Amino acid sequence: MATKEEVMNGLNKVKSRLDDPTTKEKFKDFTKKMQFTFTDLNTNYVLDVVNGEAKSLKEETVEKPDILVTMKSDVFLGILDKKINPVTSYMTGKIKVKGAMGDLLKLQKIMF
């Protein structure tokens, strides 16, 4: 199991990918609250994106996030480090994702 600090560092990597000019352009109309739930840490983090810009990343819970990603911390870090295949993890139930398909496809671009 990873620590909260390791998870936050990983989420900050995801957040920083939105700072890339090419990514910003692709996400310019993207305004969503993305909640990442880590079951083994019993915690949630919310990344608030407004017009393609990451406005905040906080440890919190929102009632109705636009995108909800649920997984264990080690799976998340393994995906970021390219040691774990995200598609396989999804197909085997190690990652659960809720949200509109278009939003999920965009999320894939900044996570993987």
PDB file of N, CA and C in Angstrom:
ATOM      1  N   MET A   1       0.852  -1.181   0.000  1.00  0.00           N
ATOM      2  CA  MET A   1       0.000   0.000   0.000  1.00  0.00           C
ATOM      3  C   MET A   1       0.897   1.243   0.000  1.00  0.00           C
ATOM      4  N   ALA A   2       0.547   2.175  -0.855  1.00  0.00           N
ATOM      5  CA  ALA A   2       1.285   3.435  -0.926  1.00  0.00           C
ATOM      6  C   ALA A   2       0.834   4.360   0.207  1.00  0.00           C
ATOM      7  N   THR A   3       1.596   5.403   0.417  1.00  0.00           N
ATOM      8  CA  THR A   3       1.219   6.400   1.419  1.00  0.00           C
ATOM      9  C   THR A   3       0.397   7.505   0.758  1.00  0.00           C
ATOM     10  N   LYS A   4      -0.268   8.292   1.575  1.00  0.00           N
ATOM     11  CA  LYS A   4      -1.026   9.432   1.046  1.00  0.00           C
ATOM     12  C   LYS A   4      -0.094  10.401   0.321  1.00  0.00           C
ATOM     13  N   GLU A   5       1.100  10.558   0.852  1.00  0.00           N
ATOM     14  CA  GLU A   5       2.070  11.463   0.223  1.00  0.00           C
ATOM     15  C   GLU A   5       2.454  10.976  -1.178  1.00  0.00           C
ATOM     16  N   GLU A   6       2.680   9.668  -1.321  1.00  0.00           N
ATOM     17  CA  GLU A   6       3.018   9.108  -2.637  1.00  0.00           C
ATOM     18  C   GLU A   6       1.865   9.291  -3.620  1.00  0.00           C
ATOM     19  N   VAL A   7       0.652   9.079  -3.145  1.00  0.00           N
ATOM     20  CA  VAL A   7      -0.527   9.261  -3.997  1.00  0.00           C
ATOM     21  C   VAL A   7      -0.664  10.721  -4.408  1.00  0.00           C
ATOM     22  N   MET A   8      -0.479  11.630  -3.463  1.00  0.00           N
ATOM     23  CA  MET A   8      -0.582  13.055  -3.783  1.00  0.00           C
ATOM     24  C   MET A   8       0.486  13.463  -4.792  1.00  0.00           C
ATOM     25  N   ASN A   9       1.687  12.921  -4.659  1.00  0.00           N
ATOM     26  CA  ASN A   9       2.737  13.193  -5.646  1.00  0.00           C
ATOM     27  C   ASN A   9       2.321  12.702  -7.030  1.00  0.00           C
ATOM     28  N   GLY A  10       1.718  11.521  -7.085  1.00  0.00           N
ATOM     29  CA  GLY A  10       1.228  10.987  -8.357  1.00  0.00           C
ATOM     30  C   GLY A  10       0.129  11.847  -8.947  1.00  0.00           C
ATOM     31  N   LEU A  11      -0.798  12.273  -8.110  1.00  0.00           N
ATOM     32  CA  LEU A  11      -1.884  13.137  -8.584  1.00  0.00           C
ATOM     33  C   LEU A  11      -1.345  14.485  -9.056  1.00  0.00           C
ATOM     34  N   ASN A  12      -0.309  14.971  -8.410  1.00  0.00           N
ATOM     35  CA  ASN A  12       0.309  16.220  -8.862  1.00  0.00           C
ATOM     36  C   ASN A  12       0.950  16.059 -10.237  1.00  0.00           C
ATOM     37  N   LYS A  13       1.459  14.855 -10.539  1.00  0.00           N
ATOM     38  CA  LYS A  13       1.977  14.582 -11.885  1.00  0.00           C
ATOM     39  C   LYS A  13       0.852  14.680 -12.908  1.00  0.00           C
ATOM     40  N   VAL A  14      -0.294  14.090 -12.583  1.00  0.00           N
ATOM     41  CA  VAL A  14      -1.455  14.165 -13.477  1.00  0.00           C
ATOM     42  C   VAL A  14      -1.860  15.622 -13.662  1.00  0.00           C
ATOM     43  N   LYS A  15      -1.920  16.342 -12.561  1.00  0.00           N
ATOM     44  CA  LYS A  15      -2.293  17.760 -12.599  1.00  0.00           C
ATOM     45  C   LYS A  15      -1.327  18.556 -13.469  1.00  0.00           C
ATOM     46  N   SER A  16      -0.039  18.291 -13.345  1.00  0.00           N
ATOM     47  CA  SER A  16       0.964  19.047 -14.106  1.00  0.00           C
ATOM     48  C   SER A  16       0.888  18.764 -15.603  1.00  0.00           C
ATOM     49  N   ARG A  17       0.366  17.610 -15.984  1.00  0.00           N
ATOM     50  CA  ARG A  17       0.214  17.308 -17.414  1.00  0.00           C
ATOM     51  C   ARG A  17      -0.757  18.269 -18.083  1.00  0.00           C
ATOM     52  N   LEU A  18      -1.661  18.814 -17.298  1.00  0.00           N
ATOM     53  CA  LEU A  18      -2.609  19.793 -17.850  1.00  0.00           C
ATOM     54  C   LEU A  18      -1.936  21.137 -18.137  1.00  0.00           C
ATOM     55  N   ASP A  19      -0.733  21.343 -17.628  1.00  0.00           N
ATOM     56  CA  ASP A  19      -0.001  22.583 -17.886  1.00  0.00           C
ATOM     57  C   ASP A  19       0.688  22.586 -19.248  1.00  0.00           C
ATOM     58  N   ASP A  20       0.835  21.413 -19.848  1.00  0.00           N
ATOM     59  CA  ASP A  20       1.455  21.329 -21.165  1.00  0.00           C
ATOM     60  C   ASP A  20       0.587  22.077 -22.182  1.00  0.00           C
ATOM     61  N   PRO A  21       1.165  22.980 -22.990  1.00  0.00           N
ATOM     62  CA  PRO A  21       0.368  23.784 -23.934  1.00  0.00           C
ATOM     63  C   PRO A  21      -0.487  22.955 -24.892  1.00  0.00           C
ATOM     64  N   THR A  22       0.040  21.845 -25.386  1.00  0.00           N
ATOM     65  CA  THR A  22      -0.735  20.998 -26.300  1.00  0.00           C
ATOM     66  C   THR A  22      -1.929  20.387 -25.583  1.00  0.00           C
ATOM     67  N   THR A  23      -1.702  19.921 -24.372  1.00  0.00           N
ATOM     68  CA  THR A  23      -2.785  19.334 -23.582  1.00  0.00           C
ATOM     69  C   THR A  23      -3.815  20.395 -23.226  1.00  0.00           C
ATOM     70  N   LYS A  24      -3.341  21.574 -22.841  1.00  0.00           N
ATOM     71  CA  LYS A  24      -4.259  22.670 -22.500  1.00  0.00           C
ATOM     72  C   LYS A  24      -5.199  22.973 -23.655  1.00  0.00           C
ATOM     73  N   GLU A  25      -4.663  22.981 -24.866  1.00  0.00           N
ATOM     74  CA  GLU A  25      -5.477  23.270 -26.049  1.00  0.00           C
ATOM     75  C   GLU A  25      -6.543  22.190 -26.240  1.00  0.00           C
ATOM     76  N   LYS A  26      -6.164  20.936 -26.066  1.00  0.00           N
ATOM     77  CA  LYS A  26      -7.115  19.826 -26.230  1.00  0.00           C
ATOM     78  C   LYS A  26      -8.203  19.841 -25.161  1.00  0.00           C
ATOM     79  N   PHE A  27      -7.896  20.404 -24.000  1.00  0.00           N
ATOM     80  CA  PHE A  27      -8.822  20.398 -22.872  1.00  0.00           C
ATOM     81  C   PHE A  27      -9.492  21.750 -22.639  1.00  0.00           C
ATOM     82  N   LYS A  28      -9.362  22.682 -23.583  1.00  0.00           N
ATOM     83  CA  LYS A  28      -9.813  24.060 -23.345  1.00  0.00           C
ATOM     84  C   LYS A  28     -11.295  24.178 -22.986  1.00  0.00           C
ATOM     85  N   ASP A  29     -12.126  23.256 -23.430  1.00  0.00           N
ATOM     86  CA  ASP A  29     -13.555  23.290 -23.101  1.00  0.00           C
ATOM     87  C   ASP A  29     -13.923  22.280 -22.012  1.00  0.00           C
ATOM     88  N   PHE A  30     -12.936  21.751 -21.336  1.00  0.00           N
ATOM     89  CA  PHE A  30     -13.134  20.693 -20.347  1.00  0.00           C
ATOM     90  C   PHE A  30     -13.214  21.305 -18.954  1.00  0.00           C
ATOM     91  N   THR A  31     -14.387  21.242 -18.343  1.00  0.00           N
ATOM     92  CA  THR A  31     -14.595  21.732 -16.981  1.00  0.00           C
ATOM     93  C   THR A  31     -15.276  20.617 -16.192  1.00  0.00           C
ATOM     94  N   LYS A  32     -14.511  19.982 -15.323  1.00  0.00           N
ATOM     95  CA  LYS A  32     -15.017  18.815 -14.589  1.00  0.00           C
ATOM     96  C   LYS A  32     -14.391  18.725 -13.206  1.00  0.00           C
ATOM     97  N   LYS A  33     -15.127  18.088 -12.307  1.00  0.00           N
ATOM     98  CA  LYS A  33     -14.587  17.692 -11.004  1.00  0.00           C
ATOM     99  C   LYS A  33     -14.324  16.193 -11.092  1.00  0.00           C
ATOM    100  N   MET A  34     -13.066  15.824 -10.900  1.00  0.00           N
ATOM    101  CA  MET A  34     -12.671  14.422 -10.972  1.00  0.00           C
ATOM    102  C   MET A  34     -12.286  13.959  -9.576  1.00  0.00           C
ATOM    103  N   GLN A  35     -12.997  12.959  -9.093  1.00  0.00           N
ATOM    104  CA  GLN A  35     -12.705  12.431  -7.761  1.00  0.00           C
ATOM    105  C   GLN A  35     -11.987  11.099  -7.887  1.00  0.00           C
ATOM    106  N   PHE A  36     -10.867  10.994  -7.200  1.00  0.00           N
ATOM    107  CA  PHE A  36     -10.089   9.765  -7.143  1.00  0.00           C
ATOM    108  C   PHE A  36     -10.264   9.187  -5.745  1.00  0.00           C
ATOM    109  N   THR A  37     -10.825   7.989  -5.676  1.00  0.00           N
ATOM    110  CA  THR A  37     -11.063   7.318  -4.402  1.00  0.00           C
ATOM    111  C   THR A  37     -10.068   6.172  -4.266  1.00  0.00           C
ATOM    112  N   PHE A  38      -9.315   6.195  -3.185  1.00  0.00           N
ATOM    113  CA  PHE A  38      -8.327   5.152  -2.920  1.00  0.00           C
ATOM    114  C   PHE A  38      -8.835   4.317  -1.751  1.00  0.00           C
ATOM    115  N   THR A  39      -9.317   3.121  -2.089  1.00  0.00           N
ATOM    116  CA  THR A  39     -10.004   2.286  -1.107  1.00  0.00           C
ATOM    117  C   THR A  39      -9.091   1.832   0.028  1.00  0.00           C
ATOM    118  N   ASP A  40      -7.825   1.570  -0.269  1.00  0.00           N
ATOM    119  CA  ASP A  40      -6.914   1.091   0.774  1.00  0.00           C
ATOM    120  C   ASP A  40      -6.474   2.206   1.722  1.00  0.00           C
ATOM    121  N   LEU A  41      -6.542   3.444   1.278  1.00  0.00           N
ATOM    122  CA  LEU A  41      -6.186   4.583   2.132  1.00  0.00           C
ATOM    123  C   LEU A  41      -7.415   5.233   2.753  1.00  0.00           C
ATOM    124  N   ASN A  42      -8.591   4.765   2.316  1.00  0.00           N
ATOM    125  CA  ASN A  42      -9.856   5.319   2.801  1.00  0.00           C
ATOM    126  C   ASN A  42      -9.888   6.845   2.654  1.00  0.00           C
ATOM    127  N   THR A  43      -9.503   7.296   1.454  1.00  0.00           N
ATOM    128  CA  THR A  43      -9.453   8.739   1.214  1.00  0.00           C
ATOM    129  C   THR A  43      -9.815   9.076  -0.228  1.00  0.00           C
ATOM    130  N   ASN A  44     -10.231  10.314  -0.416  1.00  0.00           N
ATOM    131  CA  ASN A  44     -10.612  10.821  -1.737  1.00  0.00           C
ATOM    132  C   ASN A  44      -9.842  12.100  -2.032  1.00  0.00           C
ATOM    133  N   TYR A  45      -9.506  12.275  -3.295  1.00  0.00           N
ATOM    134  CA  TYR A  45      -8.891  13.511  -3.763  1.00  0.00           C
ATOM    135  C   TYR A  45      -9.712  14.016  -4.935  1.00  0.00           C
ATOM    136  N   VAL A  46      -9.885  15.325  -5.007  1.00  0.00           N
ATOM    137  CA  VAL A  46     -10.659  15.921  -6.095  1.00  0.00           C
ATOM    138  C   VAL A  46      -9.758  16.864  -6.875  1.00  0.00           C
ATOM    139  N   LEU A  47      -9.704  16.617  -8.183  1.00  0.00           N
ATOM    140  CA  LEU A  47      -9.001  17.494  -9.111  1.00  0.00           C
ATOM    141  C   LEU A  47     -10.068  18.300  -9.832  1.00  0.00           C
ATOM    142  N   ASP A  48     -10.015  19.607  -9.645  1.00  0.00           N
ATOM    143  CA  ASP A  48     -10.996  20.515 -10.247  1.00  0.00           C
ATOM    144  C   ASP A  48     -10.354  21.148 -11.479  1.00  0.00           C
ATOM    145  N   VAL A  49     -10.916  20.845 -12.647  1.00  0.00           N
ATOM    146  CA  VAL A  49     -10.402  21.366 -13.912  1.00  0.00           C
ATOM    147  C   VAL A  49     -11.430  22.326 -14.488  1.00  0.00           C
ATOM    148  N   VAL A  50     -10.981  23.539 -14.821  1.00  0.00           N
ATOM    149  CA  VAL A  50     -11.861  24.560 -15.395  1.00  0.00           C
ATOM    150  C   VAL A  50     -11.244  25.033 -16.705  1.00  0.00           C
ATOM    151  N   ASN A  51     -11.970  24.804 -17.797  1.00  0.00           N
ATOM    152  CA  ASN A  51     -11.490  25.174 -19.137  1.00  0.00           C
ATOM    153  C   ASN A  51     -10.076  24.662 -19.399  1.00  0.00           C
ATOM    154  N   GLY A  52      -9.838  23.419 -19.015  1.00  0.00           N
ATOM    155  CA  GLY A  52      -8.562  22.776 -19.274  1.00  0.00           C
ATOM    156  C   GLY A  52      -7.455  23.124 -18.309  1.00  0.00           C
ATOM    157  N   GLU A  53      -7.736  23.947 -17.330  1.00  0.00           N
ATOM    158  CA  GLU A  53      -6.719  24.344 -16.361  1.00  0.00           C
ATOM    159  C   GLU A  53      -7.024  23.715 -15.004  1.00  0.00           C
ATOM    160  N   ALA A  54      -6.015  23.062 -14.444  1.00  0.00           N
ATOM    161  CA  ALA A  54      -6.186  22.452 -13.125  1.00  0.00           C
ATOM    162  C   ALA A  54      -6.223  23.556 -12.079  1.00  0.00           C
ATOM    163  N   LYS A  55      -7.396  23.790 -11.511  1.00  0.00           N
ATOM    164  CA  LYS A  55      -7.567  24.871 -10.537  1.00  0.00           C
ATOM    165  C   LYS A  55      -7.190  24.444  -9.126  1.00  0.00           C
ATOM    166  N   SER A  56      -7.505  23.201  -8.777  1.00  0.00           N
ATOM    167  CA  SER A  56      -7.175  22.750  -7.425  1.00  0.00           C
ATOM    168  C   SER A  56      -7.098  21.232  -7.372  1.00  0.00           C
ATOM    169  N   LEU A  57      -6.343  20.767  -6.408  1.00  0.00           N
ATOM    170  CA  LEU A  57      -6.236  19.347  -6.095  1.00  0.00           C
ATOM    171  C   LEU A  57      -6.246  19.261  -4.580  1.00  0.00           C
ATOM    172  N   LYS A  58      -7.318  18.667  -4.039  1.00  0.00           N
ATOM    173  CA  LYS A  58      -7.474  18.627  -2.582  1.00  0.00           C
ATOM    174  C   LYS A  58      -7.939  17.259  -2.123  1.00  0.00           C
ATOM    175  N   GLU A  59      -7.592  16.966  -0.880  1.00  0.00           N
ATOM    176  CA  GLU A  59      -8.150  15.783  -0.242  1.00  0.00           C
ATOM    177  C   GLU A  59      -9.537  16.175   0.240  1.00  0.00           C
ATOM    178  N   GLU A  60     -10.539  15.682  -0.454  1.00  0.00           N
ATOM    179  CA  GLU A  60     -11.929  15.995  -0.116  1.00  0.00           C
ATOM    180  C   GLU A  60     -12.845  15.022  -0.845  1.00  0.00           C
ATOM    181  N   THR A  61     -14.126  15.127  -0.550  1.00  0.00           N
ATOM    182  CA  THR A  61     -15.149  14.325  -1.210  1.00  0.00           C
ATOM    183  C   THR A  61     -16.211  15.270  -1.734  1.00  0.00           C
ATOM    184  N   VAL A  62     -16.623  15.056  -2.984  1.00  0.00           N
ATOM    185  CA  VAL A  62     -17.740  15.825  -3.525  1.00  0.00           C
ATOM    186  C   VAL A  62     -18.909  14.870  -3.726  1.00  0.00           C
ATOM    187  N   GLU A  63     -20.113  15.405  -3.595  1.00  0.00           N
ATOM    188  CA  GLU A  63     -21.297  14.549  -3.645  1.00  0.00           C
ATOM    189  C   GLU A  63     -21.508  13.917  -5.021  1.00  0.00           C
ATOM    190  N   LYS A  64     -21.364  14.710  -6.068  1.00  0.00           N
ATOM    191  CA  LYS A  64     -21.595  14.192  -7.421  1.00  0.00           C
ATOM    192  C   LYS A  64     -20.464  14.626  -8.352  1.00  0.00           C
ATOM    193  N   PRO A  65     -19.330  13.914  -8.303  1.00  0.00           N
ATOM    194  CA  PRO A  65     -18.244  14.274  -9.214  1.00  0.00           C
ATOM    195  C   PRO A  65     -18.633  13.954 -10.657  1.00  0.00           C
ATOM    196  N   ASP A  66     -18.059  14.685 -11.597  1.00  0.00           N
ATOM    197  CA  ASP A  66     -18.311  14.402 -13.013  1.00  0.00           C
ATOM    198  C   ASP A  66     -17.657  13.090 -13.425  1.00  0.00           C
ATOM    199  N   ILE A  67     -16.503  12.821 -12.835  1.00  0.00           N
ATOM    200  CA  ILE A  67     -15.767  11.585 -13.089  1.00  0.00           C
ATOM    201  C   ILE A  67     -15.355  11.019 -11.733  1.00  0.00           C
ATOM    202  N   LEU A  68     -15.590   9.732 -11.545  1.00  0.00           N
ATOM    203  CA  LEU A  68     -15.202   9.056 -10.306  1.00  0.00           C
ATOM    204  C   LEU A  68     -14.314   7.870 -10.666  1.00  0.00           C
ATOM    205  N   VAL A  69     -13.110   7.865 -10.126  1.00  0.00           N
ATOM    206  CA  VAL A  69     -12.161   6.777 -10.357  1.00  0.00           C
ATOM    207  C   VAL A  69     -11.861   6.149  -8.998  1.00  0.00           C
ATOM    208  N   THR A  70     -12.104   4.839  -8.877  1.00  0.00           N
ATOM    209  CA  THR A  70     -11.903   4.125  -7.617  1.00  0.00           C
ATOM    210  C   THR A  70     -10.885   3.013  -7.832  1.00  0.00           C
ATOM    211  N   MET A  71      -9.874   2.973  -6.962  1.00  0.00           N
ATOM    212  CA  MET A  71      -8.827   1.953  -7.072  1.00  0.00           C
ATOM    213  C   MET A  71      -7.988   1.948  -5.803  1.00  0.00           C
ATOM    214  N   LYS A  72      -7.079   0.992  -5.725  1.00  0.00           N
ATOM    215  CA  LYS A  72      -6.105   0.974  -4.638  1.00  0.00           C
ATOM    216  C   LYS A  72      -4.926   1.858  -5.032  1.00  0.00           C
ATOM    217  N   SER A  73      -4.245   2.357  -4.036  1.00  0.00           N
ATOM    218  CA  SER A  73      -3.137   3.286  -4.277  1.00  0.00           C
ATOM    219  C   SER A  73      -2.011   2.665  -5.101  1.00  0.00           C
ATOM    220  N   ASP A  74      -1.693   1.400  -4.860  1.00  0.00           N
ATOM    221  CA  ASP A  74      -0.613   0.753  -5.606  1.00  0.00           C
ATOM    222  C   ASP A  74      -0.951   0.605  -7.084  1.00  0.00           C
ATOM    223  N   VAL A  75      -2.210   0.389  -7.394  1.00  0.00           N
ATOM    224  CA  VAL A  75      -2.633   0.294  -8.792  1.00  0.00           C
ATOM    225  C   VAL A  75      -2.423   1.647  -9.475  1.00  0.00           C
ATOM    226  N   PHE A  76      -2.840   2.710  -8.816  1.00  0.00           N
ATOM    227  CA  PHE A  76      -2.679   4.057  -9.369  1.00  0.00           C
ATOM    228  C   PHE A  76      -1.212   4.363  -9.662  1.00  0.00           C
ATOM    229  N   LEU A  77      -0.352   4.135  -8.683  1.00  0.00           N
ATOM    230  CA  LEU A  77       1.070   4.434  -8.876  1.00  0.00           C
ATOM    231  C   LEU A  77       1.694   3.528  -9.928  1.00  0.00           C
ATOM    232  N   GLY A  78       1.268   2.277  -9.979  1.00  0.00           N
ATOM    233  CA  GLY A  78       1.764   1.361 -11.004  1.00  0.00           C
ATOM    234  C   GLY A  78       1.383   1.802 -12.403  1.00  0.00           C
ATOM    235  N   ILE A  79       0.184   2.335 -12.552  1.00  0.00           N
ATOM    236  CA  ILE A  79      -0.254   2.848 -13.849  1.00  0.00           C
ATOM    237  C   ILE A  79       0.581   4.068 -14.235  1.00  0.00           C
ATOM    238  N   LEU A  80       0.775   4.977 -13.301  1.00  0.00           N
ATOM    239  CA  LEU A  80       1.572   6.171 -13.594  1.00  0.00           C
ATOM    240  C   LEU A  80       3.007   5.815 -13.963  1.00  0.00           C
ATOM    241  N   ASP A  81       3.556   4.785 -13.317  1.00  0.00           N
ATOM    242  CA  ASP A  81       4.930   4.355 -13.597  1.00  0.00           C
ATOM    243  C   ASP A  81       5.013   3.409 -14.796  1.00  0.00           C
ATOM    244  N   LYS A  82       3.863   3.160 -15.427  1.00  0.00           N
ATOM    245  CA  LYS A  82       3.764   2.273 -16.592  1.00  0.00           C
ATOM    246  C   LYS A  82       4.181   0.830 -16.275  1.00  0.00           C
ATOM    247  N   LYS A  83       3.985   0.421 -15.027  1.00  0.00           N
ATOM    248  CA  LYS A  83       4.263  -0.951 -14.614  1.00  0.00           C
ATOM    249  C   LYS A  83       2.992  -1.793 -14.623  1.00  0.00           C
ATOM    250  N   ILE A  84       1.849  -1.114 -14.610  1.00  0.00           N
ATOM    251  CA  ILE A  84       0.549  -1.788 -14.619  1.00  0.00           C
ATOM    252  C   ILE A  84      -0.243  -1.265 -15.808  1.00  0.00           C
ATOM    253  N   ASN A  85      -0.859  -2.191 -16.539  1.00  0.00           N
ATOM    254  CA  ASN A  85      -1.662  -1.821 -17.701  1.00  0.00           C
ATOM    255  C   ASN A  85      -3.033  -1.335 -17.236  1.00  0.00           C
ATOM    256  N   PRO A  86      -3.405  -0.095 -17.587  1.00  0.00           N
ATOM    257  CA  PRO A  86      -4.689   0.439 -17.125  1.00  0.00           C
ATOM    258  C   PRO A  86      -5.898  -0.291 -17.697  1.00  0.00           C
ATOM    259  N   VAL A  87      -5.799  -0.748 -18.939  1.00  0.00           N
ATOM    260  CA  VAL A  87      -6.930  -1.449 -19.555  1.00  0.00           C
ATOM    261  C   VAL A  87      -7.159  -2.783 -18.857  1.00  0.00           C
ATOM    262  N   THR A  88      -6.092  -3.512 -18.617  1.00  0.00           N
ATOM    263  CA  THR A  88      -6.204  -4.786 -17.905  1.00  0.00           C
ATOM    264  C   THR A  88      -6.765  -4.565 -16.503  1.00  0.00           C
ATOM    265  N   SER A  89      -6.296  -3.516 -15.843  1.00  0.00           N
ATOM    266  CA  SER A  89      -6.790  -3.207 -14.494  1.00  0.00           C
ATOM    267  C   SER A  89      -8.278  -2.899 -14.510  1.00  0.00           C
ATOM    268  N   TYR A  90      -8.723  -2.197 -15.532  1.00  0.00           N
ATOM    269  CA  TYR A  90     -10.147  -1.885 -15.662  1.00  0.00           C
ATOM    270  C   TYR A  90     -10.946  -3.161 -15.929  1.00  0.00           C
ATOM    271  N   MET A  91     -10.457  -3.974 -16.849  1.00  0.00           N
ATOM    272  CA  MET A  91     -11.177  -5.199 -17.227  1.00  0.00           C
ATOM    273  C   MET A  91     -11.256  -6.203 -16.077  1.00  0.00           C
ATOM    274  N   THR A  92     -10.279  -6.177 -15.186  1.00  0.00           N
ATOM    275  CA  THR A  92     -10.276  -7.117 -14.058  1.00  0.00           C
ATOM    276  C   THR A  92     -10.892  -6.514 -12.794  1.00  0.00           C
ATOM    277  N   GLY A  93     -11.407  -5.299 -12.904  1.00  0.00           N
ATOM    278  CA  GLY A  93     -12.098  -4.674 -11.783  1.00  0.00           C
ATOM    279  C   GLY A  93     -11.197  -4.000 -10.760  1.00  0.00           C
ATOM    280  N   LYS A  94      -9.909  -3.871 -11.076  1.00  0.00           N
ATOM    281  CA  LYS A  94      -9.001  -3.200 -10.138  1.00  0.00           C
ATOM    282  C   LYS A  94      -9.183  -1.686 -10.175  1.00  0.00           C
ATOM    283  N   ILE A  95      -9.746  -1.202 -11.275  1.00  0.00           N
ATOM    284  CA  ILE A  95     -10.109   0.215 -11.402  1.00  0.00           C
ATOM    285  C   ILE A  95     -11.587   0.251 -11.750  1.00  0.00           C
ATOM    286  N   LYS A  96     -12.312   1.098 -11.070  1.00  0.00           N
ATOM    287  CA  LYS A  96     -13.719   1.327 -11.403  1.00  0.00           C
ATOM    288  C   LYS A  96     -13.846   2.799 -11.771  1.00  0.00           C
ATOM    289  N   VAL A  97     -14.524   3.057 -12.886  1.00  0.00           N
ATOM    290  CA  VAL A  97     -14.636   4.419 -13.386  1.00  0.00           C
ATOM    291  C   VAL A  97     -16.091   4.711 -13.705  1.00  0.00           C
ATOM    292  N   LYS A  98     -16.550   5.888 -13.266  1.00  0.00           N
ATOM    293  CA  LYS A  98     -17.905   6.335 -13.589  1.00  0.00           C
ATOM    294  C   LYS A  98     -17.813   7.725 -14.190  1.00  0.00           C
ATOM    295  N   GLY A  99     -18.567   7.929 -15.255  1.00  0.00           N
ATOM    296  CA  GLY A  99     -18.595   9.231 -15.911  1.00  0.00           C
ATOM    297  C   GLY A  99     -18.993   9.066 -17.361  1.00  0.00           C
ATOM    298  N   ALA A 100     -19.177  10.176 -18.044  1.00  0.00           N
ATOM    299  CA  ALA A 100     -19.528  10.150 -19.461  1.00  0.00           C
ATOM    300  C   ALA A 100     -18.341   9.610 -20.262  1.00  0.00           C
ATOM    301  N   MET A 101     -18.623   8.814 -21.287  1.00  0.00           N
ATOM    302  CA  MET A 101     -17.567   8.175 -22.065  1.00  0.00           C
ATOM    303  C   MET A 101     -16.580   9.196 -22.632  1.00  0.00           C
ATOM    304  N   GLY A 102     -17.059  10.305 -23.144  1.00  0.00           N
ATOM    305  CA  GLY A 102     -16.166  11.333 -23.685  1.00  0.00           C
ATOM    306  C   GLY A 102     -15.216  11.870 -22.631  1.00  0.00           C
ATOM    307  N   ASP A 103     -15.736  12.052 -21.416  1.00  0.00           N
ATOM    308  CA  ASP A 103     -14.902  12.529 -20.305  1.00  0.00           C
ATOM    309  C   ASP A 103     -13.847  11.493 -19.929  1.00  0.00           C
ATOM    310  N   LEU A 104     -14.244  10.227 -19.938  1.00  0.00           N
ATOM    311  CA  LEU A 104     -13.315   9.162 -19.572  1.00  0.00           C
ATOM    312  C   LEU A 104     -12.184   9.049 -20.587  1.00  0.00           C
ATOM    313  N   LEU A 105     -12.502   9.244 -21.856  1.00  0.00           N
ATOM    314  CA  LEU A 105     -11.466   9.203 -22.886  1.00  0.00           C
ATOM    315  C   LEU A 105     -10.482  10.357 -22.709  1.00  0.00           C
ATOM    316  N   LYS A 106     -10.989  11.518 -22.326  1.00  0.00           N
ATOM    317  CA  LYS A 106     -10.099  12.659 -22.061  1.00  0.00           C
ATOM    318  C   LYS A 106      -9.227  12.374 -20.838  1.00  0.00           C
ATOM    319  N   LEU A 107      -9.817  11.805 -19.810  1.00  0.00           N
ATOM    320  CA  LEU A 107      -9.064  11.474 -18.600  1.00  0.00           C
ATOM    321  C   LEU A 107      -7.906  10.535 -18.935  1.00  0.00           C
ATOM    322  N   GLN A 108      -8.163   9.595 -19.815  1.00  0.00           N
ATOM    323  CA  GLN A 108      -7.141   8.639 -20.226  1.00  0.00           C
ATOM    324  C   GLN A 108      -5.923   9.368 -20.799  1.00  0.00           C
ATOM    325  N   LYS A 109      -6.140  10.462 -21.503  1.00  0.00           N
ATOM    326  CA  LYS A 109      -5.032  11.191 -22.129  1.00  0.00           C
ATOM    327  C   LYS A 109      -4.105  11.837 -21.110  1.00  0.00           C
ATOM    328  N   ILE A 110      -4.632  12.232 -19.966  1.00  0.00           N
ATOM    329  CA  ILE A 110      -3.750  12.856 -18.977  1.00  0.00           C
ATOM    330  C   ILE A 110      -3.220  11.863 -17.946  1.00  0.00           C
ATOM    331  N   MET A 111      -3.865  10.713 -17.828  1.00  0.00           N
ATOM    332  CA  MET A 111      -3.427   9.732 -16.827  1.00  0.00           C
ATOM    333  C   MET A 111      -2.365   8.788 -17.377  1.00  0.00           C
ATOM    334  N   PHE A 112      -2.479   8.446 -18.658  1.00  0.00           N
ATOM    335  CA  PHE A 112      -1.604   7.384 -19.171  1.00  0.00           C
ATOM    336  C   PHE A 112      -0.692   7.936 -20.232  1.00  0.00           C
TER     337      PHE A 112
END
